[in-house]
Each structure stands twice: as C-alpha cells, then as structure tokens.
Amino acid sequence: MQMRQLGQAGPQVTALGLGCMGLSDFYSSSGASEAEGIALIQRALDLGLGFLDTADVYGPHTNERTVGKALRGRRERVVLATKFGIVRQPGSSYRGVDGSPGYVRSACEASLQRLGVDHIDLYYQHRVDPAVPIEDTVGAMAELVRQGKVRYLGLSEAAPSTIRRAHKVHPISALQTEYSLWSRDPEDEILPTLRELGIALVPYSPLGRGFLAGRFRKLEDLAPDDWRRESPRFQGENFAKNLALVDRIKAIAEEKGCTPSQLALAWLLAQGPDLVPIPGTTSLARLEENLASAGIALSPQELHRIEAVAPQGVASGHRYNPAMAHLLNG
C-alpha cells in the first residue's frame, strides 16, 4: 500500500489506517468479541495495513487491550496511535474531559500497560479541555516524548487557534477530525491551517459512520443500543435526505465498478497526500473492501461529478447530538 507521512517530521504510515473503536464500543454491545477483534486486526496487518488507531475511552479501556493482544509479535510493523482526554469509567456513559498535566502522565502510563508496549507512536489529546491551557497539556505531552514513552503528538477536534498554540509548544504531527463526503467542514479553516503548519489530517468516520456504505435504509437497521440512533443525521427527515445522497453516490460507484464505500474513501485519498483516513469495521469482508479503495484512482471528471452530487454542506443534520457536541473545541 502507498505510504504517506504524518506531518513534516512525523512517521510514514500506510495511506489507510484502521479505526478500532467499533470493535469494542458505541455501535453495538453485540459487536466483535475480543477474539474476533484480534483476528480482524491481524488480517489487516496481513493485508499490508500498518497504522492502527485506538483510545483509552473505547470500551472503556478494553479496546486498547484488544489492540495490544493483536500486536504481540508484530509491534515493529505498526504505527500505533492512541488517545487520552475523554474521561469515562467502566459502566458509565458520562464523558468528561481532562487535559491537566497530571492526567496526561497517568493516562499515558495506563495506556502503555493496557497496550503492552514500551512506547506509543502517536499520542493524541482526544478532546481539548477548556479548563486547561493547551500549552500546559501539550507541554506535558512533550515531556512524554523526551522520556521516550511517546514519539509524536496529535490533537483531535481542535480549533485552528488551538492547533496554532499547541504547535508552538511542540510539533503536532496529525490532527484527527471527522471528514468525509458528508462532513466537509474541515475544508473551511482546518485544512488550510494544517497545510500552512505542515500537519497531516487523519479523518475519522470517513464513511459517515457507515451511512455512506449504503447499508442502512431505515433506523431499524441499527442495533437497539447503537449510539447512532441518537445522531441527528440518522433521524427523521435527515435520514431520508441523507439516504438520497447515498443513492447518488452509489450510482457513480456502480459506473466506476466499485462500492460506495470504496468511492468515498478514494475521494478522500484524492484530496491530498497529507490525508490518512481510518475507516473502521467489524467485518473481514468490509475490511478487504475498504483497503482495496487505496488502489482506485479517480479522474478529474469523476471528482467533479462527485463534487456535484456531494458538495460541502450537503448532509442534513448536525454531526453530533448536544451531549457529544459540547466536547468539541469551538
């Protein structure tokens, strides 16, 4: 698979990574078992993928353990990313944010233990803590780099001004935010800021939380405990309007001879060599389908046609409900 670089001095990674969140949490409590998660991760590595993304909040804590077990004997082949900052205890749905230096240090130690590794390649602040200056948080993260516990730093869902302040303290290699054919907000300010500073963009939910894959035709297609049922884009009139968008993308994909998922990922990869999407899945078949998108080239004419059916702002509904939106850095 083609390689891309995270930031001006960051690591080389495969053009696509694997977002591991859904293996443990959020989409359904009846999702992948630990054994299935390990098998899927190892299959991804066998297919040449070398970039894994997890976080302490996924599970919580169980996702890092699954990733760690999958990496035993294969650690050197992978750029491993994890995140801290969203505080959530087992058995609780409450999610707070903590960016205090003490928490940065303790969270890193806990992640290292759960992952079973001696260093984290890319360590993200998952959400910006409004109560702690970003300089203090990144300063503590930079100390982890000096100690050899972390190699590169990242942010997630940070505003342009926050990114600039953080980058002055220590080079930021990557920013994670939602970016896809139905979430193109980063094009306004985020992407220009990143490119000015030489920071890569790691789009999460590059398939619109699965919606762009065309697998959902009604809300009932989601498991009863799937948190997407609370997403504004999956509800009422928004669902119907967004379904029409998926049908237009599907028509182009059929003409191209690929799936809607592959078209959506190929479009993202075509937006620049500084983008590394991290689609997630619990299905081995969809894993292989997603990874094959790295070999799909889109012509200028095809990109123009996709732009015509999925322009910026085309998605109906906010991307987060109020309970999650308050964690975003405005």
Protein backbone atom coordinates (compact mmCIF):
# COMPACT_ATOMS: atom_id res chain seq x y z
CA MET A 1 0.00 0.00 0.00
CA GLN A 2 1.12 3.56 -0.71
CA MET A 3 2.80 5.31 2.19
CA ARG A 4 2.08 8.80 3.48
CA GLN A 5 3.78 10.97 6.07
CA LEU A 6 2.14 12.36 9.18
CA GLY A 7 3.44 15.91 9.47
CA GLN A 8 6.73 17.37 8.30
CA ALA A 9 8.81 15.15 10.59
CA GLY A 10 6.28 12.52 11.59
CA PRO A 11 6.14 8.81 10.85
CA GLN A 12 5.49 7.17 7.50
CA VAL A 13 2.18 5.29 7.56
CA THR A 14 0.06 3.36 5.11
CA ALA A 15 -2.39 5.52 3.14
CA LEU A 16 -5.26 3.95 5.07
CA GLY A 17 -5.31 3.12 8.75
CA LEU A 18 -7.74 1.09 10.80
CA GLY A 19 -10.03 2.81 13.28
CA CYS A 20 -10.52 0.24 16.03
CA MET A 21 -13.29 1.92 18.06
CA GLY A 22 -16.19 -0.12 16.69
CA LEU A 23 -14.55 -3.38 17.67
CA SER A 24 -15.34 -2.64 21.31
CA ASP A 25 -17.90 0.06 21.75
CA PHE A 26 -20.59 2.52 20.70
CA TYR A 27 -22.12 0.84 17.66
CA SER A 28 -23.43 -2.26 19.41
CA SER A 29 -22.79 -4.25 22.54
CA SER A 30 -23.18 -7.35 20.36
CA GLY A 31 -20.26 -6.31 18.14
CA ALA A 32 -16.99 -8.13 17.76
CA SER A 33 -15.72 -10.37 20.55
CA GLU A 34 -12.13 -9.87 21.65
CA ALA A 35 -11.07 -12.87 19.58
CA GLU A 36 -12.86 -11.52 16.52
CA GLY A 37 -11.30 -8.10 17.04
CA ILE A 38 -7.83 -9.61 17.28
CA ALA A 39 -8.44 -11.66 14.14
CA LEU A 40 -9.63 -8.61 12.20
CA ILE A 41 -6.64 -6.50 13.24
CA GLN A 42 -4.22 -9.27 12.35
CA ARG A 43 -5.91 -9.75 8.98
CA ALA A 44 -5.47 -6.03 8.32
CA LEU A 45 -1.76 -6.36 9.09
CA ASP A 46 -1.51 -9.39 6.80
CA LEU A 47 -3.02 -7.27 4.01
CA GLY A 48 -0.32 -4.65 4.45
CA LEU A 49 -2.02 -2.08 6.67
CA GLY A 50 0.38 -0.59 9.19
CA PHE A 51 -1.48 2.15 11.08
CA LEU A 52 -3.83 1.41 14.00
CA ASP A 53 -5.94 3.91 15.92
CA THR A 54 -7.44 3.31 19.35
CA ALA A 55 -8.20 5.30 22.53
CA ASP A 56 -8.49 4.69 26.25
CA VAL A 57 -12.17 5.72 26.23
CA TYR A 58 -13.17 2.96 23.80
CA GLY A 59 -14.72 0.23 25.92
CA PRO A 60 -13.65 2.00 28.07
CA HIS A 61 -10.15 0.53 28.23
CA THR A 62 -11.00 -2.79 26.53
CA ASN A 63 -10.12 -1.60 23.02
CA GLU A 64 -6.52 -0.87 23.93
CA ARG A 65 -6.20 -4.34 25.46
CA THR A 66 -7.57 -5.95 22.28
CA VAL A 67 -5.19 -3.95 20.09
CA GLY A 68 -2.28 -4.82 22.36
CA LYS A 69 -3.01 -8.54 22.16
CA ALA A 70 -3.32 -8.35 18.37
CA LEU A 71 0.10 -6.72 18.16
CA ARG A 72 2.04 -9.33 20.10
CA GLY A 73 4.93 -10.38 17.89
CA ARG A 74 4.01 -7.71 15.30
CA ARG A 75 4.67 -4.45 17.10
CA GLU A 76 7.51 -3.36 14.84
CA ARG A 77 5.26 -3.46 11.76
CA VAL A 78 2.75 -0.93 13.08
CA VAL A 79 2.48 2.79 13.76
CA LEU A 80 0.32 2.72 16.87
CA ALA A 81 -1.89 5.65 17.82
CA THR A 82 -3.99 6.07 20.92
CA LYS A 83 -5.75 8.96 22.61
CA PHE A 84 -6.41 10.35 26.07
CA GLY A 85 -8.55 13.13 27.48
CA ILE A 86 -12.13 11.88 27.46
CA VAL A 87 -12.80 10.55 30.95
CA ARG A 88 -15.24 7.67 31.18
CA GLN A 89 -15.38 4.97 33.79
CA PRO A 90 -16.46 1.38 33.08
CA GLY A 91 -20.23 1.03 33.35
CA SER A 92 -20.81 4.74 32.96
CA SER A 93 -22.00 6.75 29.96
CA TYR A 94 -20.73 10.02 31.43
CA ARG A 95 -17.93 11.58 29.46
CA GLY A 96 -15.90 14.48 30.81
CA VAL A 97 -12.62 15.98 29.63
CA ASP A 98 -9.31 16.24 31.45
CA GLY A 99 -6.21 17.82 29.94
CA SER A 100 -4.33 18.52 33.15
CA PRO A 101 -0.60 17.64 33.10
CA GLY A 102 -1.01 15.10 35.88
CA TYR A 103 -3.77 13.33 33.97
CA VAL A 104 -1.70 13.35 30.79
CA ARG A 105 1.05 11.43 32.58
CA SER A 106 -1.22 8.95 34.34
CA ALA A 107 -3.29 8.30 31.23
CA CYS A 108 -0.18 7.55 29.20
CA GLU A 109 1.12 5.10 31.77
CA ALA A 110 -2.22 3.31 31.86
CA SER A 111 -2.37 3.07 28.05
CA LEU A 112 1.17 1.71 27.85
CA GLN A 113 0.22 -1.03 30.31
CA ARG A 114 -3.02 -1.95 28.55
CA LEU A 115 -1.35 -1.99 25.13
CA GLY A 116 1.62 -3.94 26.44
CA VAL A 117 4.15 -1.70 24.69
CA ASP A 118 7.05 0.47 25.81
CA HIS A 119 6.10 3.46 23.67
CA ILE A 120 3.18 4.96 21.76
CA ASP A 121 3.98 6.15 18.24
CA LEU A 122 1.30 8.85 18.02
CA TYR A 123 -0.39 10.19 21.14
CA TYR A 124 -3.46 12.39 20.66
CA GLN A 125 -5.35 14.63 23.01
CA HIS A 126 -8.81 13.24 22.26
CA ARG A 127 -10.73 16.39 23.18
CA VAL A 128 -9.45 19.79 24.23
CA ASP A 129 -10.05 20.64 27.88
CA PRO A 130 -11.45 24.21 28.06
CA ALA A 131 -10.32 24.48 31.70
CA VAL A 132 -6.64 23.82 30.95
CA PRO A 133 -4.46 25.96 28.67
CA ILE A 134 -3.46 23.93 25.63
CA GLU A 135 0.14 24.97 26.31
CA ASP A 136 0.04 23.09 29.63
CA THR A 137 -1.45 19.96 28.11
CA VAL A 138 0.92 19.82 25.16
CA GLY A 139 3.82 20.69 27.44
CA ALA A 140 3.09 17.55 29.46
CA MET A 141 2.73 15.53 26.25
CA ALA A 142 6.09 16.87 25.06
CA GLU A 143 7.68 15.65 28.27
CA LEU A 144 6.45 12.15 27.39
CA VAL A 145 8.30 12.47 24.08
CA ARG A 146 11.50 13.44 25.89
CA GLN A 147 11.08 10.41 28.15
CA GLY A 148 10.72 8.09 25.15
CA LYS A 149 7.21 6.99 26.08
CA VAL A 150 5.68 8.77 23.08
CA ARG A 151 7.22 9.56 19.69
CA TYR A 152 4.83 12.01 18.03
CA LEU A 153 1.94 14.19 19.16
CA GLY A 154 -1.54 14.76 17.79
CA LEU A 155 -4.76 16.58 18.56
CA SER A 156 -8.37 15.65 17.88
CA GLU A 157 -11.26 18.02 17.17
CA ALA A 158 -9.16 21.10 17.92
CA ALA A 159 -9.97 24.55 16.53
CA PRO A 160 -7.43 26.34 14.28
CA SER A 161 -6.37 28.77 17.01
CA THR A 162 -5.81 25.86 19.42
CA ILE A 163 -3.77 24.00 16.83
CA ARG A 164 -1.52 27.02 16.32
CA ARG A 165 -0.93 27.47 20.05
CA ALA A 166 -0.20 23.77 20.53
CA HIS A 167 2.19 23.64 17.58
CA LYS A 168 4.29 26.42 19.11
CA VAL A 169 4.88 24.28 22.20
CA HIS A 170 5.80 21.08 20.35
CA PRO A 171 5.39 19.99 16.72
CA ILE A 172 1.98 18.46 16.10
CA SER A 173 2.16 15.65 13.54
CA ALA A 174 -1.53 14.97 12.97
CA LEU A 175 -4.99 16.28 13.67
CA GLN A 176 -7.94 13.94 13.84
CA THR A 177 -11.39 15.17 12.93
CA GLU A 178 -14.44 13.90 11.10
CA TYR A 179 -14.06 14.37 7.35
CA SER A 180 -15.98 12.63 4.58
CA LEU A 181 -18.31 13.29 1.68
CA TRP A 182 -20.98 14.32 4.17
CA SER A 183 -18.73 16.11 6.69
CA ARG A 184 -16.64 18.60 4.74
CA ASP A 185 -16.41 21.37 7.33
CA PRO A 186 -12.61 20.97 7.70
CA GLU A 187 -12.20 22.47 4.25
CA ASP A 188 -13.10 25.94 5.57
CA GLU A 189 -10.39 26.56 8.17
CA ILE A 190 -8.95 23.31 9.48
CA LEU A 191 -7.29 22.03 6.30
CA PRO A 192 -5.75 25.41 5.34
CA THR A 193 -4.34 25.75 8.86
CA LEU A 194 -2.90 22.24 8.84
CA ARG A 195 -1.29 22.74 5.45
CA GLU A 196 0.22 26.03 6.49
CA LEU A 197 1.78 24.37 9.54
CA GLY A 198 2.71 21.07 7.88
CA ILE A 199 0.34 18.90 9.91
CA ALA A 200 -1.42 15.83 8.49
CA LEU A 201 -5.16 15.25 8.69
CA VAL A 202 -6.41 11.86 9.89
CA PRO A 203 -10.11 11.73 9.00
CA TYR A 204 -12.20 9.56 11.30
CA SER A 205 -15.65 8.31 10.28
CA PRO A 206 -14.61 8.63 6.61
CA LEU A 207 -17.70 6.61 5.65
CA GLY A 208 -20.14 8.81 7.55
CA ARG A 209 -20.36 6.34 10.45
CA GLY A 210 -21.26 3.65 7.94
CA PHE A 211 -24.06 5.64 6.28
CA LEU A 212 -22.08 6.24 3.08
CA ALA A 213 -21.60 2.49 2.67
CA GLY A 214 -25.29 2.23 1.79
CA ARG A 215 -26.01 -0.49 4.34
CA PHE A 216 -28.69 1.44 6.25
CA ARG A 217 -32.07 2.08 4.67
CA LYS A 218 -34.03 2.77 7.86
CA LEU A 219 -33.30 3.49 11.51
CA GLU A 220 -34.32 -0.04 12.46
CA ASP A 221 -31.29 -1.35 10.57
CA LEU A 222 -29.23 -0.19 13.54
CA ALA A 223 -28.93 -2.29 16.69
CA PRO A 224 -31.17 -1.09 19.55
CA ASP A 225 -28.14 0.02 21.57
CA ASP A 226 -26.29 1.62 18.64
CA TRP A 227 -25.47 5.23 19.61
CA ARG A 228 -26.02 6.33 16.00
CA ARG A 229 -29.74 6.19 16.78
CA GLU A 230 -29.11 9.41 18.75
CA SER A 231 -27.24 11.08 15.89
CA PRO A 232 -29.23 13.88 14.23
CA ARG A 233 -28.19 12.64 10.79
CA PHE A 234 -29.79 9.26 11.39
CA GLN A 235 -33.15 10.64 12.49
CA GLY A 236 -36.42 11.59 10.80
CA GLU A 237 -36.28 13.77 7.71
CA ASN A 238 -32.50 13.97 7.98
CA PHE A 239 -32.26 10.22 7.45
CA ALA A 240 -34.37 10.38 4.29
CA LYS A 241 -32.43 13.32 2.85
CA ASN A 242 -29.10 11.70 3.57
CA LEU A 243 -30.31 8.46 2.04
CA ALA A 244 -30.89 10.32 -1.22
CA LEU A 245 -27.26 11.48 -1.10
CA VAL A 246 -26.06 7.90 -0.64
CA ASP A 247 -28.13 6.78 -3.63
CA ARG A 248 -26.44 9.40 -5.83
CA ILE A 249 -23.01 8.27 -4.66
CA LYS A 250 -23.99 4.65 -5.23
CA ALA A 251 -24.93 5.42 -8.85
CA ILE A 252 -21.48 6.87 -9.53
CA ALA A 253 -19.81 3.94 -7.79
CA GLU A 254 -21.69 1.44 -9.93
CA GLU A 255 -20.49 3.16 -13.08
CA LYS A 256 -16.94 3.13 -11.70
CA GLY A 257 -17.18 -0.56 -10.88
CA CYS A 258 -16.64 -0.14 -7.15
CA THR A 259 -18.73 0.06 -3.99
CA PRO A 260 -19.99 3.32 -2.42
CA SER A 261 -17.53 2.80 0.43
CA GLN A 262 -14.63 2.49 -1.95
CA LEU A 263 -15.70 5.58 -3.87
CA ALA A 264 -15.98 7.62 -0.66
CA LEU A 265 -12.53 6.51 0.53
CA ALA A 266 -10.94 7.03 -2.88
CA TRP A 267 -12.39 10.56 -2.91
CA LEU A 268 -10.81 11.29 0.47
CA LEU A 269 -7.43 9.94 -0.62
CA ALA A 270 -7.61 12.17 -3.68
CA GLN A 271 -7.96 15.29 -1.53
CA GLY A 272 -4.22 15.32 -0.86
CA PRO A 273 -1.23 13.21 0.20
CA ASP A 274 -1.48 14.68 3.70
CA LEU A 275 -4.72 12.81 4.46
CA VAL A 276 -4.78 9.34 6.05
CA PRO A 277 -8.36 8.09 6.59
CA ILE A 278 -9.01 5.48 9.30
CA PRO A 279 -12.19 3.56 8.40
CA GLY A 280 -13.34 1.01 10.94
CA THR A 281 -15.32 -2.19 10.62
CA THR A 282 -16.07 -5.45 12.42
CA SER A 283 -16.37 -7.37 9.14
CA LEU A 284 -13.44 -9.09 7.44
CA ALA A 285 -15.15 -8.71 4.06
CA ARG A 286 -15.64 -4.97 4.52
CA LEU A 287 -12.08 -4.64 5.77
CA GLU A 288 -10.80 -6.05 2.49
CA GLU A 289 -13.26 -3.90 0.56
CA ASN A 290 -12.07 -0.76 2.31
CA LEU A 291 -8.39 -1.48 1.85
CA ALA A 292 -8.91 -2.09 -1.87
CA SER A 293 -10.03 1.54 -2.21
CA ALA A 294 -6.37 2.61 -1.93
CA GLY A 295 -5.90 1.25 -5.44
CA ILE A 296 -8.78 3.18 -7.01
CA ALA A 297 -7.82 6.30 -8.97
CA LEU A 298 -10.43 8.96 -9.72
CA SER A 299 -10.12 11.15 -12.80
CA PRO A 300 -10.68 14.92 -12.65
CA GLN A 301 -14.01 14.36 -14.37
CA GLU A 302 -15.07 11.79 -11.78
CA LEU A 303 -14.02 14.06 -8.93
CA HIS A 304 -16.02 16.89 -10.48
CA ARG A 305 -19.08 14.67 -10.71
CA ILE A 306 -18.75 13.57 -7.10
CA GLU A 307 -18.41 17.22 -6.07
CA ALA A 308 -21.63 18.00 -7.92
CA VAL A 309 -23.68 15.39 -6.03
CA ALA A 310 -21.97 15.83 -2.65
CA PRO A 311 -20.98 19.49 -2.26
CA GLN A 312 -19.92 20.97 1.04
CA GLY A 313 -22.87 21.18 3.43
CA VAL A 314 -24.91 18.51 1.63
CA ALA A 315 -25.54 16.38 4.73
CA SER A 316 -28.75 17.03 6.62
CA GLY A 317 -28.46 17.37 10.40
CA HIS A 318 -25.68 18.11 12.87
CA ARG A 319 -22.93 15.50 13.12
CA TYR A 320 -23.23 15.23 16.93
CA ASN A 321 -26.12 15.43 19.37
CA PRO A 322 -25.84 18.10 22.10
CA ALA A 323 -24.42 15.66 24.66
CA MET A 324 -21.41 15.00 22.41
CA ALA A 325 -21.19 18.40 20.72
CA HIS A 326 -20.30 20.13 23.98
CA LEU A 327 -16.97 18.24 23.95
CA LEU A 328 -15.89 19.91 20.71
CA ASN A 329 -13.36 22.73 20.71
CA GLY A 330 -15.07 25.75 19.18
